[in-house]
N, C-alpha and C. Protein backbone atom coordinates (compact mmCIF):
# COMPACT_ATOMS: atom_id res chain seq x y z
N MET A 1 -16.97 -7.40 -21.36
CA MET A 1 -15.73 -7.13 -22.05
C MET A 1 -14.54 -7.45 -21.15
N LEU A 2 -14.67 -7.16 -19.87
CA LEU A 2 -13.59 -7.47 -18.94
C LEU A 2 -13.29 -8.96 -18.92
N LYS A 3 -14.33 -9.77 -18.85
CA LYS A 3 -14.14 -11.22 -18.80
C LYS A 3 -13.57 -11.77 -20.10
N ARG A 4 -13.78 -11.10 -21.21
CA ARG A 4 -13.26 -11.55 -22.49
C ARG A 4 -11.87 -10.97 -22.80
N GLY A 5 -11.36 -10.14 -21.89
CA GLY A 5 -10.04 -9.55 -22.09
C GLY A 5 -10.01 -8.53 -23.22
N ARG A 6 -11.13 -7.88 -23.44
CA ARG A 6 -11.24 -6.95 -24.56
C ARG A 6 -11.56 -5.54 -24.08
N ILE A 7 -10.97 -5.14 -22.98
CA ILE A 7 -11.22 -3.82 -22.46
C ILE A 7 -9.91 -3.03 -22.45
N ASP A 8 -9.96 -1.81 -22.94
CA ASP A 8 -8.77 -0.97 -22.99
C ASP A 8 -8.72 0.03 -21.84
N VAL A 9 -9.87 0.43 -21.35
CA VAL A 9 -9.94 1.44 -20.30
C VAL A 9 -11.02 1.05 -19.31
N ALA A 10 -10.73 1.26 -18.04
CA ALA A 10 -11.75 1.04 -17.01
C ALA A 10 -11.72 2.22 -16.05
N ILE A 11 -12.87 2.77 -15.79
CA ILE A 11 -13.00 3.83 -14.79
C ILE A 11 -13.96 3.30 -13.75
N GLY A 12 -13.51 3.22 -12.53
CA GLY A 12 -14.34 2.70 -11.47
C GLY A 12 -14.02 3.38 -10.16
N ALA A 13 -14.97 3.40 -9.29
CA ALA A 13 -14.79 4.01 -7.99
C ALA A 13 -14.78 2.93 -6.92
N VAL A 14 -13.88 3.10 -5.96
CA VAL A 14 -13.88 2.21 -4.80
C VAL A 14 -15.09 2.63 -3.98
N PRO A 15 -15.94 1.78 -3.51
CA PRO A 15 -15.83 0.33 -3.46
C PRO A 15 -16.47 -0.39 -4.64
N ASP A 16 -17.04 0.34 -5.62
CA ASP A 16 -17.75 -0.31 -6.73
C ASP A 16 -16.87 -1.26 -7.54
N ILE A 17 -15.62 -0.92 -7.74
CA ILE A 17 -14.75 -1.74 -8.59
C ILE A 17 -14.02 -2.82 -7.79
N GLN A 18 -14.05 -2.73 -6.49
CA GLN A 18 -13.32 -3.66 -5.62
C GLN A 18 -13.54 -5.14 -5.98
N PRO A 19 -14.76 -5.60 -6.23
CA PRO A 19 -14.96 -7.02 -6.53
C PRO A 19 -14.31 -7.47 -7.85
N TYR A 20 -13.91 -6.54 -8.69
CA TYR A 20 -13.38 -6.88 -10.01
C TYR A 20 -11.87 -6.72 -10.13
N LEU A 21 -11.22 -6.21 -9.10
CA LEU A 21 -9.79 -5.93 -9.19
C LEU A 21 -8.96 -7.15 -9.53
N ASP A 22 -9.33 -8.32 -9.04
CA ASP A 22 -8.55 -9.51 -9.33
C ASP A 22 -8.70 -9.97 -10.78
N GLN A 23 -9.65 -9.40 -11.52
CA GLN A 23 -9.84 -9.76 -12.92
C GLN A 23 -9.10 -8.82 -13.88
N LEU A 24 -8.59 -7.72 -13.37
CA LEU A 24 -7.90 -6.76 -14.21
C LEU A 24 -6.47 -7.20 -14.47
N SER A 25 -6.00 -7.00 -15.65
CA SER A 25 -4.61 -7.33 -15.98
C SER A 25 -4.07 -6.29 -16.94
N TYR A 26 -2.79 -6.32 -17.17
CA TYR A 26 -2.16 -5.39 -18.07
C TYR A 26 -0.98 -6.08 -18.74
N ALA A 27 -0.51 -5.49 -19.81
CA ALA A 27 0.63 -6.06 -20.52
C ALA A 27 1.88 -5.86 -19.67
N PRO A 28 2.49 -6.94 -19.19
CA PRO A 28 3.63 -6.82 -18.28
C PRO A 28 4.84 -6.14 -18.88
N GLU A 29 4.94 -6.10 -20.21
CA GLU A 29 6.09 -5.43 -20.82
C GLU A 29 5.96 -3.91 -20.81
N LEU A 30 4.79 -3.40 -20.46
CA LEU A 30 4.57 -1.95 -20.39
C LEU A 30 4.51 -1.51 -18.93
N TRP A 31 5.31 -0.52 -18.61
CA TRP A 31 5.32 0.02 -17.24
C TRP A 31 4.02 0.78 -16.99
N LEU A 32 3.60 0.78 -15.74
CA LEU A 32 2.40 1.52 -15.36
C LEU A 32 2.79 2.82 -14.69
N TYR A 33 1.92 3.80 -14.81
CA TYR A 33 2.09 5.11 -14.18
C TYR A 33 0.89 5.33 -13.28
N LYS A 34 1.15 5.73 -12.05
CA LYS A 34 0.06 5.93 -11.10
C LYS A 34 -0.06 7.39 -10.72
N GLY A 35 -1.30 7.85 -10.67
CA GLY A 35 -1.59 9.21 -10.26
C GLY A 35 -2.37 9.21 -8.97
N TYR A 36 -3.00 10.31 -8.70
CA TYR A 36 -3.79 10.50 -7.50
C TYR A 36 -5.05 9.64 -7.53
N ASP A 37 -5.49 9.20 -6.38
CA ASP A 37 -6.74 8.44 -6.24
C ASP A 37 -6.72 7.15 -7.05
N ARG A 38 -5.57 6.49 -7.07
CA ARG A 38 -5.38 5.19 -7.72
C ARG A 38 -5.56 5.21 -9.23
N LEU A 39 -5.42 6.35 -9.87
CA LEU A 39 -5.45 6.41 -11.33
C LEU A 39 -4.22 5.67 -11.84
N THR A 40 -4.41 4.75 -12.76
CA THR A 40 -3.31 3.96 -13.29
C THR A 40 -3.45 3.88 -14.80
N CYS A 41 -2.34 4.01 -15.50
CA CYS A 41 -2.36 3.93 -16.95
C CYS A 41 -1.00 3.45 -17.45
N TYR A 42 -0.93 3.15 -18.74
CA TYR A 42 0.36 2.85 -19.34
C TYR A 42 1.22 4.11 -19.29
N ASN A 43 2.50 3.93 -19.05
CA ASN A 43 3.41 5.04 -18.85
C ASN A 43 3.91 5.59 -20.19
N THR A 44 3.10 6.46 -20.78
CA THR A 44 3.49 7.16 -22.00
C THR A 44 3.44 8.66 -21.71
N PRO A 45 4.13 9.47 -22.48
CA PRO A 45 4.08 10.92 -22.23
C PRO A 45 2.66 11.47 -22.24
N GLU A 46 1.85 11.02 -23.19
CA GLU A 46 0.48 11.52 -23.28
C GLU A 46 -0.34 11.11 -22.06
N ASN A 47 -0.20 9.87 -21.63
CA ASN A 47 -0.95 9.39 -20.46
C ASN A 47 -0.50 10.09 -19.19
N ARG A 48 0.81 10.32 -19.04
CA ARG A 48 1.29 11.04 -17.85
C ARG A 48 0.69 12.44 -17.78
N THR A 49 0.66 13.12 -18.92
CA THR A 49 0.07 14.47 -18.95
C THR A 49 -1.40 14.42 -18.56
N PHE A 50 -2.14 13.49 -19.15
CA PHE A 50 -3.57 13.35 -18.84
C PHE A 50 -3.79 13.03 -17.37
N VAL A 51 -3.08 12.02 -16.85
CA VAL A 51 -3.28 11.60 -15.46
C VAL A 51 -2.84 12.70 -14.49
N ASP A 52 -1.77 13.39 -14.78
CA ASP A 52 -1.32 14.47 -13.90
C ASP A 52 -2.35 15.60 -13.85
N ASP A 53 -2.90 15.96 -15.01
CA ASP A 53 -3.94 17.00 -15.05
C ASP A 53 -5.19 16.57 -14.30
N LEU A 54 -5.64 15.35 -14.57
CA LEU A 54 -6.83 14.83 -13.89
C LEU A 54 -6.59 14.70 -12.39
N SER A 55 -5.41 14.28 -12.01
CA SER A 55 -5.07 14.15 -10.58
C SER A 55 -5.20 15.48 -9.85
N GLU A 56 -4.72 16.55 -10.48
CA GLU A 56 -4.83 17.87 -9.85
C GLU A 56 -6.28 18.27 -9.65
N ARG A 57 -7.11 17.97 -10.60
CA ARG A 57 -8.54 18.30 -10.48
C ARG A 57 -9.21 17.44 -9.40
N LEU A 58 -8.85 16.18 -9.32
CA LEU A 58 -9.42 15.31 -8.28
C LEU A 58 -8.97 15.76 -6.88
N LYS A 59 -7.73 16.18 -6.75
CA LYS A 59 -7.26 16.70 -5.46
C LYS A 59 -8.08 17.92 -5.06
N SER A 60 -8.36 18.80 -6.01
CA SER A 60 -9.17 19.98 -5.73
C SER A 60 -10.56 19.60 -5.26
N LEU A 61 -11.17 18.58 -5.88
CA LEU A 61 -12.49 18.12 -5.47
C LEU A 61 -12.48 17.59 -4.04
N LYS A 62 -11.42 16.85 -3.68
CA LYS A 62 -11.34 16.31 -2.33
C LYS A 62 -11.20 17.44 -1.31
N VAL A 63 -10.30 18.38 -1.59
CA VAL A 63 -10.08 19.50 -0.68
C VAL A 63 -11.36 20.31 -0.49
N ALA A 64 -12.12 20.48 -1.57
CA ALA A 64 -13.36 21.25 -1.50
C ALA A 64 -14.49 20.48 -0.83
N GLY A 65 -14.29 19.17 -0.58
CA GLY A 65 -15.32 18.38 0.06
C GLY A 65 -16.32 17.74 -0.89
N ALA A 66 -16.06 17.85 -2.19
CA ALA A 66 -17.02 17.32 -3.18
C ALA A 66 -17.12 15.80 -3.12
N TYR A 67 -15.98 15.12 -2.93
CA TYR A 67 -16.03 13.66 -2.82
C TYR A 67 -16.96 13.24 -1.68
N GLN A 68 -16.79 13.86 -0.54
CA GLN A 68 -17.58 13.49 0.63
C GLN A 68 -19.05 13.83 0.42
N GLN A 69 -19.31 14.98 -0.17
CA GLN A 69 -20.69 15.39 -0.41
C GLN A 69 -21.39 14.43 -1.38
N LEU A 70 -20.72 14.05 -2.46
CA LEU A 70 -21.33 13.16 -3.45
C LEU A 70 -21.49 11.73 -2.93
N SER A 71 -20.55 11.29 -2.09
CA SER A 71 -20.57 9.92 -1.59
C SER A 71 -21.49 9.72 -0.41
N GLY A 72 -21.77 10.77 0.31
CA GLY A 72 -22.62 10.65 1.49
C GLY A 72 -22.07 9.66 2.49
N ASN A 73 -22.92 8.74 2.97
CA ASN A 73 -22.47 7.79 3.99
C ASN A 73 -21.57 6.69 3.42
N LEU A 74 -21.35 6.67 2.11
CA LEU A 74 -20.43 5.70 1.50
C LEU A 74 -19.00 6.23 1.42
N TYR A 75 -18.81 7.48 1.85
CA TYR A 75 -17.50 8.11 1.74
C TYR A 75 -16.45 7.40 2.59
N LEU A 76 -15.32 7.13 1.97
CA LEU A 76 -14.16 6.57 2.67
C LEU A 76 -13.04 7.59 2.56
N ASP A 77 -12.60 8.12 3.67
CA ASP A 77 -11.56 9.13 3.63
C ASP A 77 -10.24 8.50 3.16
N PHE A 78 -9.44 9.24 2.48
CA PHE A 78 -8.16 8.75 1.98
C PHE A 78 -7.19 9.90 1.88
N ASP A 79 -5.93 9.55 1.88
CA ASP A 79 -4.87 10.55 1.76
C ASP A 79 -3.78 9.97 0.88
N PHE A 80 -3.55 10.57 -0.28
CA PHE A 80 -2.52 10.09 -1.19
C PHE A 80 -1.51 11.16 -1.43
């Protein structure tokens, strides 16, 4: 679907999505909104609310060590 330009949403984790980043595009007339942990979406009120809520939960997981525990030796530390 990505190669055909028919994808509306992508959820991926670094480094898994890294090889595909150059294939992602967005409608340039729509501004993007960025949240924690590289969450990106179209900048609408609904999307901002969703991304802000999800960002808070992801921050809690990082602080609790869940990211590192789940990733094991693939964990890459980050600070946003």
